[in-house]
Amino acid sequence: MSVEVSQNVNTITENADIEVALRSLKECQTLHNANCLACSQAQNCAQKMEFEEMTLNNLARQQTALKQCQEERGFVSCLNCAEMLECKVRNDYVRAVHLSMNKGNGGSFEF
C-alpha cells in the first residue's frame, strides 16, 4: 500500500472514530439531560477528556495537511485558491476547528 493511500485510510479511520466518540458523547448528554457544560461530572469525565484529546489530535493533523496544501500551491492563505469553497482539505480543517472549539457541546463553545 502506498504512503498516500495508507494516510487516506488512517484519516478515514480517525474521522470515523471521532464520529463514534461524538455520538457516544451526545448519548451521554441525552442520558444526563445536559450538555457537558452543564454536567456536574464533566470535570472528571473520561469520555469527555478522550473526545477532547481526539479532537485536538485531529486538529493538529488537519492543520498540517492544510499548510502542506498551501505550500504545494504556493499560497500563504486559502483565500487565493480557486478551489477554496469546495476544497476537502480546507473543509476538513474547518470541521476540525469547530469540533475542537465545541468539545462536543452541541453548538456551545469553550474558549
N, C-alpha and C. Protein backbone atom coordinates (compact mmCIF):
# COMPACT_ATOMS: atom_id res chain seq x y z
N MET A 1 0.85 -1.16 0.00
CA MET A 1 0.00 0.00 0.00
C MET A 1 0.90 1.23 0.00
N SER A 2 0.61 2.21 -0.87
CA SER A 2 1.42 3.42 -0.95
C SER A 2 1.22 4.26 0.31
N VAL A 3 2.14 5.18 0.54
CA VAL A 3 2.08 6.05 1.72
C VAL A 3 0.82 6.91 1.66
N GLU A 4 0.51 7.46 0.47
CA GLU A 4 -0.67 8.32 0.34
C GLU A 4 -1.95 7.55 0.62
N VAL A 5 -2.08 6.34 0.08
CA VAL A 5 -3.26 5.53 0.32
C VAL A 5 -3.36 5.17 1.80
N SER A 6 -2.22 4.82 2.40
CA SER A 6 -2.19 4.49 3.82
C SER A 6 -2.62 5.68 4.67
N GLN A 7 -2.16 6.90 4.32
CA GLN A 7 -2.56 8.10 5.05
C GLN A 7 -4.05 8.35 4.90
N ASN A 8 -4.60 8.13 3.70
CA ASN A 8 -6.03 8.32 3.48
C ASN A 8 -6.84 7.34 4.31
N VAL A 9 -6.41 6.10 4.38
CA VAL A 9 -7.11 5.08 5.17
C VAL A 9 -7.06 5.47 6.65
N ASN A 10 -5.90 5.93 7.13
CA ASN A 10 -5.78 6.36 8.53
C ASN A 10 -6.69 7.54 8.82
N THR A 11 -6.76 8.49 7.90
CA THR A 11 -7.62 9.66 8.09
C THR A 11 -9.08 9.24 8.15
N ILE A 12 -9.51 8.36 7.27
CA ILE A 12 -10.89 7.88 7.27
C ILE A 12 -11.21 7.17 8.59
N THR A 13 -10.28 6.34 9.04
CA THR A 13 -10.47 5.62 10.30
C THR A 13 -10.55 6.59 11.47
N GLU A 14 -9.66 7.58 11.50
CA GLU A 14 -9.65 8.56 12.59
C GLU A 14 -10.93 9.39 12.58
N ASN A 15 -11.39 9.78 11.40
CA ASN A 15 -12.64 10.54 11.30
C ASN A 15 -13.82 9.71 11.77
N ALA A 16 -13.83 8.43 11.43
CA ALA A 16 -14.91 7.54 11.88
C ALA A 16 -14.85 7.39 13.41
N ASP A 17 -13.65 7.30 13.96
CA ASP A 17 -13.50 7.21 15.42
C ASP A 17 -14.05 8.45 16.11
N ILE A 18 -13.78 9.61 15.54
CA ILE A 18 -14.29 10.86 16.10
C ILE A 18 -15.81 10.89 16.04
N GLU A 19 -16.38 10.45 14.92
CA GLU A 19 -17.84 10.42 14.78
C GLU A 19 -18.47 9.49 15.82
N VAL A 20 -17.86 8.33 16.03
CA VAL A 20 -18.36 7.38 17.03
C VAL A 20 -18.26 8.00 18.43
N ALA A 21 -17.13 8.62 18.72
CA ALA A 21 -16.95 9.25 20.03
C ALA A 21 -17.94 10.40 20.23
N LEU A 22 -18.21 11.17 19.18
CA LEU A 22 -19.17 12.27 19.27
C LEU A 22 -20.58 11.75 19.51
N ARG A 23 -20.97 10.69 18.80
CA ARG A 23 -22.29 10.08 19.02
C ARG A 23 -22.42 9.58 20.45
N SER A 24 -21.37 8.95 20.94
CA SER A 24 -21.37 8.43 22.31
C SER A 24 -21.51 9.58 23.32
N LEU A 25 -20.81 10.67 23.07
CA LEU A 25 -20.89 11.83 23.94
C LEU A 25 -22.30 12.42 23.92
N LYS A 26 -22.90 12.49 22.74
CA LYS A 26 -24.27 13.00 22.61
C LYS A 26 -25.26 12.10 23.35
N GLU A 27 -25.06 10.78 23.30
CA GLU A 27 -25.92 9.85 24.03
C GLU A 27 -25.79 10.08 25.53
N CYS A 28 -24.58 10.32 26.00
CA CYS A 28 -24.34 10.61 27.42
C CYS A 28 -25.06 11.90 27.82
N GLN A 29 -24.97 12.91 26.96
CA GLN A 29 -25.63 14.18 27.24
C GLN A 29 -27.15 14.00 27.30
N THR A 30 -27.70 13.19 26.41
CA THR A 30 -29.13 12.92 26.42
C THR A 30 -29.52 12.18 27.70
N LEU A 31 -28.72 11.21 28.08
CA LEU A 31 -28.97 10.44 29.30
C LEU A 31 -28.98 11.34 30.54
N HIS A 32 -28.05 12.29 30.59
CA HIS A 32 -27.95 13.18 31.74
C HIS A 32 -28.76 14.47 31.58
N ASN A 33 -29.46 14.58 30.47
CA ASN A 33 -30.32 15.74 30.21
C ASN A 33 -29.55 17.06 30.25
N ALA A 34 -28.28 17.04 29.83
CA ALA A 34 -27.46 18.26 29.85
C ALA A 34 -26.27 18.09 28.92
N ASN A 35 -25.82 19.22 28.33
CA ASN A 35 -24.58 19.12 27.59
C ASN A 35 -23.43 19.14 28.59
N CYS A 36 -22.23 18.94 28.12
CA CYS A 36 -21.08 18.82 29.03
C CYS A 36 -20.83 20.09 29.84
N LEU A 37 -21.19 21.24 29.30
CA LEU A 37 -21.01 22.49 30.04
C LEU A 37 -21.84 22.53 31.31
N ALA A 38 -23.01 21.89 31.27
CA ALA A 38 -23.92 21.93 32.42
C ALA A 38 -23.85 20.68 33.29
N CYS A 39 -23.00 19.74 32.93
CA CYS A 39 -22.92 18.47 33.67
C CYS A 39 -21.97 18.60 34.85
N SER A 40 -22.43 18.18 36.01
CA SER A 40 -21.61 18.25 37.22
C SER A 40 -20.43 17.28 37.18
N GLN A 41 -20.50 16.26 36.31
CA GLN A 41 -19.44 15.26 36.24
C GLN A 41 -18.44 15.54 35.12
N ALA A 42 -18.62 16.63 34.37
CA ALA A 42 -17.79 16.92 33.20
C ALA A 42 -16.32 17.10 33.55
N GLN A 43 -16.04 17.69 34.69
CA GLN A 43 -14.65 17.97 35.09
C GLN A 43 -13.79 16.70 35.11
N ASN A 44 -14.38 15.57 35.52
CA ASN A 44 -13.63 14.32 35.65
C ASN A 44 -14.12 13.24 34.69
N CYS A 45 -14.79 13.64 33.65
CA CYS A 45 -15.39 12.67 32.72
C CYS A 45 -14.35 12.15 31.72
N ALA A 46 -14.04 10.86 31.82
CA ALA A 46 -13.05 10.25 30.93
C ALA A 46 -13.52 10.31 29.48
N GLN A 47 -14.81 10.14 29.26
CA GLN A 47 -15.36 10.16 27.91
C GLN A 47 -15.16 11.54 27.27
N LYS A 48 -15.43 12.59 28.01
CA LYS A 48 -15.26 13.95 27.51
C LYS A 48 -13.77 14.24 27.27
N MET A 49 -12.91 13.83 28.19
CA MET A 49 -11.48 14.07 28.05
C MET A 49 -10.92 13.34 26.83
N GLU A 50 -11.37 12.10 26.61
CA GLU A 50 -10.91 11.34 25.45
C GLU A 50 -11.36 12.01 24.15
N PHE A 51 -12.60 12.49 24.13
CA PHE A 51 -13.10 13.17 22.94
C PHE A 51 -12.29 14.44 22.68
N GLU A 52 -12.01 15.20 23.72
CA GLU A 52 -11.22 16.43 23.57
C GLU A 52 -9.83 16.12 23.03
N GLU A 53 -9.21 15.07 23.54
CA GLU A 53 -7.88 14.68 23.06
C GLU A 53 -7.94 14.28 21.58
N MET A 54 -8.97 13.51 21.22
CA MET A 54 -9.13 13.10 19.82
C MET A 54 -9.29 14.31 18.91
N THR A 55 -10.09 15.28 19.35
CA THR A 55 -10.33 16.45 18.50
C THR A 55 -9.07 17.32 18.38
N LEU A 56 -8.30 17.42 19.44
CA LEU A 56 -7.06 18.20 19.36
C LEU A 56 -6.03 17.53 18.46
N ASN A 57 -5.93 16.21 18.54
CA ASN A 57 -5.03 15.48 17.64
C ASN A 57 -5.48 15.62 16.19
N ASN A 58 -6.79 15.54 15.98
CA ASN A 58 -7.34 15.70 14.64
C ASN A 58 -7.06 17.10 14.12
N LEU A 59 -7.22 18.11 14.96
CA LEU A 59 -6.95 19.49 14.56
C LEU A 59 -5.50 19.65 14.12
N ALA A 60 -4.59 19.08 14.87
CA ALA A 60 -3.17 19.17 14.51
C ALA A 60 -2.90 18.52 13.16
N ARG A 61 -3.49 17.34 12.92
CA ARG A 61 -3.31 16.66 11.63
C ARG A 61 -3.89 17.48 10.49
N GLN A 62 -5.09 18.03 10.70
CA GLN A 62 -5.75 18.80 9.64
C GLN A 62 -4.99 20.10 9.36
N GLN A 63 -4.45 20.71 10.40
CA GLN A 63 -3.67 21.94 10.22
C GLN A 63 -2.41 21.65 9.41
N THR A 64 -1.76 20.54 9.69
CA THR A 64 -0.57 20.14 8.94
C THR A 64 -0.92 19.91 7.48
N ALA A 65 -2.03 19.21 7.23
CA ALA A 65 -2.46 18.94 5.86
C ALA A 65 -2.78 20.24 5.12
N LEU A 66 -3.43 21.17 5.80
CA LEU A 66 -3.78 22.45 5.18
C LEU A 66 -2.52 23.24 4.82
N LYS A 67 -1.58 23.32 5.75
CA LYS A 67 -0.34 24.05 5.49
C LYS A 67 0.45 23.41 4.35
N GLN A 68 0.46 22.08 4.30
CA GLN A 68 1.16 21.38 3.23
C GLN A 68 0.51 21.69 1.89
N CYS A 69 -0.81 21.70 1.84
CA CYS A 69 -1.53 22.02 0.61
C CYS A 69 -1.21 23.44 0.16
N GLN A 70 -1.23 24.38 1.11
CA GLN A 70 -0.92 25.77 0.78
C GLN A 70 0.50 25.91 0.25
N GLU A 71 1.45 25.23 0.88
CA GLU A 71 2.84 25.29 0.44
C GLU A 71 3.00 24.71 -0.96
N GLU A 72 2.34 23.58 -1.22
CA GLU A 72 2.42 22.94 -2.54
C GLU A 72 1.88 23.85 -3.64
N ARG A 73 0.89 24.66 -3.30
CA ARG A 73 0.28 25.56 -4.28
C ARG A 73 0.90 26.95 -4.28
N GLY A 74 1.81 27.19 -3.34
CA GLY A 74 2.48 28.48 -3.27
C GLY A 74 1.63 29.58 -2.65
N PHE A 75 0.69 29.21 -1.79
CA PHE A 75 -0.19 30.17 -1.13
C PHE A 75 0.17 30.28 0.35
N VAL A 76 -0.10 31.44 0.93
CA VAL A 76 0.01 31.60 2.38
C VAL A 76 -1.37 31.59 3.01
N SER A 77 -2.40 31.56 2.17
CA SER A 77 -3.79 31.55 2.62
C SER A 77 -4.64 30.82 1.59
N CYS A 78 -5.73 30.25 2.07
CA CYS A 78 -6.66 29.58 1.14
C CYS A 78 -7.46 30.60 0.32
N LEU A 79 -7.50 31.83 0.76
CA LEU A 79 -8.29 32.85 0.08
C LEU A 79 -7.87 33.05 -1.38
N ASN A 80 -6.63 32.75 -1.70
CA ASN A 80 -6.14 32.92 -3.07
C ASN A 80 -6.41 31.72 -3.97
N CYS A 81 -6.96 30.67 -3.40
CA CYS A 81 -7.17 29.42 -4.14
C CYS A 81 -8.57 29.39 -4.76
N ALA A 82 -8.63 29.03 -6.03
CA ALA A 82 -9.90 28.96 -6.74
C ALA A 82 -10.80 27.84 -6.19
N GLU A 83 -10.21 26.85 -5.54
CA GLU A 83 -10.97 25.70 -5.02
C GLU A 83 -11.39 25.88 -3.56
N MET A 84 -11.21 27.05 -3.00
CA MET A 84 -11.38 27.26 -1.57
C MET A 84 -12.70 26.72 -1.01
N LEU A 85 -13.81 27.04 -1.62
CA LEU A 85 -15.10 26.65 -1.06
C LEU A 85 -15.41 25.16 -1.22
N GLU A 86 -14.81 24.52 -2.20
CA GLU A 86 -15.07 23.10 -2.44
C GLU A 86 -13.91 22.21 -1.98
N CYS A 87 -12.92 22.78 -1.35
CA CYS A 87 -11.69 22.06 -1.01
C CYS A 87 -11.90 21.13 0.19
N LYS A 88 -11.66 19.85 -0.01
CA LYS A 88 -11.82 18.86 1.06
C LYS A 88 -10.82 19.11 2.18
N VAL A 89 -9.59 19.46 1.85
CA VAL A 89 -8.57 19.71 2.88
C VAL A 89 -9.00 20.87 3.77
N ARG A 90 -9.45 21.97 3.17
CA ARG A 90 -9.88 23.13 3.94
C ARG A 90 -11.14 22.82 4.74
N ASN A 91 -12.10 22.14 4.12
CA ASN A 91 -13.35 21.79 4.82
C ASN A 91 -13.08 20.87 6.01
N ASP A 92 -12.15 19.92 5.84
CA ASP A 92 -11.78 19.04 6.96
C ASP A 92 -11.14 19.85 8.08
N TYR A 93 -10.32 20.84 7.72
CA TYR A 93 -9.69 21.70 8.72
C TYR A 93 -10.74 22.53 9.46
N VAL A 94 -11.67 23.13 8.73
CA VAL A 94 -12.72 23.95 9.35
C VAL A 94 -13.55 23.09 10.30
N ARG A 95 -13.88 21.88 9.89
CA ARG A 95 -14.65 20.98 10.76
C ARG A 95 -13.85 20.62 12.01
N ALA A 96 -12.54 20.39 11.83
CA ALA A 96 -11.69 20.05 12.98
C ALA A 96 -11.61 21.23 13.96
N VAL A 97 -11.55 22.45 13.44
CA VAL A 97 -11.54 23.64 14.30
C VAL A 97 -12.85 23.71 15.08
N HIS A 98 -13.95 23.51 14.38
CA HIS A 98 -15.26 23.56 15.03
C HIS A 98 -15.36 22.52 16.15
N LEU A 99 -14.96 21.30 15.85
CA LEU A 99 -15.02 20.24 16.87
C LEU A 99 -14.12 20.54 18.05
N SER A 100 -12.94 21.11 17.79
CA SER A 100 -12.02 21.38 18.90
C SER A 100 -12.54 22.51 19.78
N MET A 101 -13.24 23.47 19.19
CA MET A 101 -13.81 24.57 19.98
C MET A 101 -15.09 24.13 20.68
N ASN A 102 -15.87 23.31 20.01
CA ASN A 102 -17.16 22.87 20.50
C ASN A 102 -17.04 21.84 21.62
N LYS A 103 -16.03 21.01 21.55
CA LYS A 103 -15.78 19.96 22.54
C LYS A 103 -16.99 19.07 22.79
N GLY A 104 -17.80 18.89 21.74
CA GLY A 104 -18.97 18.01 21.86
C GLY A 104 -20.16 18.64 22.53
N ASN A 105 -20.18 19.95 22.67
CA ASN A 105 -21.24 20.61 23.42
C ASN A 105 -22.42 21.06 22.57
N GLY A 106 -22.59 20.53 21.41
CA GLY A 106 -23.79 20.80 20.62
C GLY A 106 -23.98 22.24 20.23
N GLY A 107 -22.92 22.93 19.83
CA GLY A 107 -23.03 24.31 19.37
C GLY A 107 -22.49 25.31 20.37
N SER A 108 -22.33 24.92 21.61
CA SER A 108 -21.74 25.81 22.61
C SER A 108 -20.23 25.73 22.46
N PHE A 109 -19.55 26.83 22.68
CA PHE A 109 -18.10 26.83 22.52
C PHE A 109 -17.41 27.17 23.83
N GLU A 110 -16.25 26.57 24.02
CA GLU A 110 -15.39 26.88 25.17
C GLU A 110 -14.15 27.56 24.61
N PHE A 111 -13.84 28.74 25.12
CA PHE A 111 -12.64 29.45 24.67
C PHE A 111 -11.61 29.47 25.75
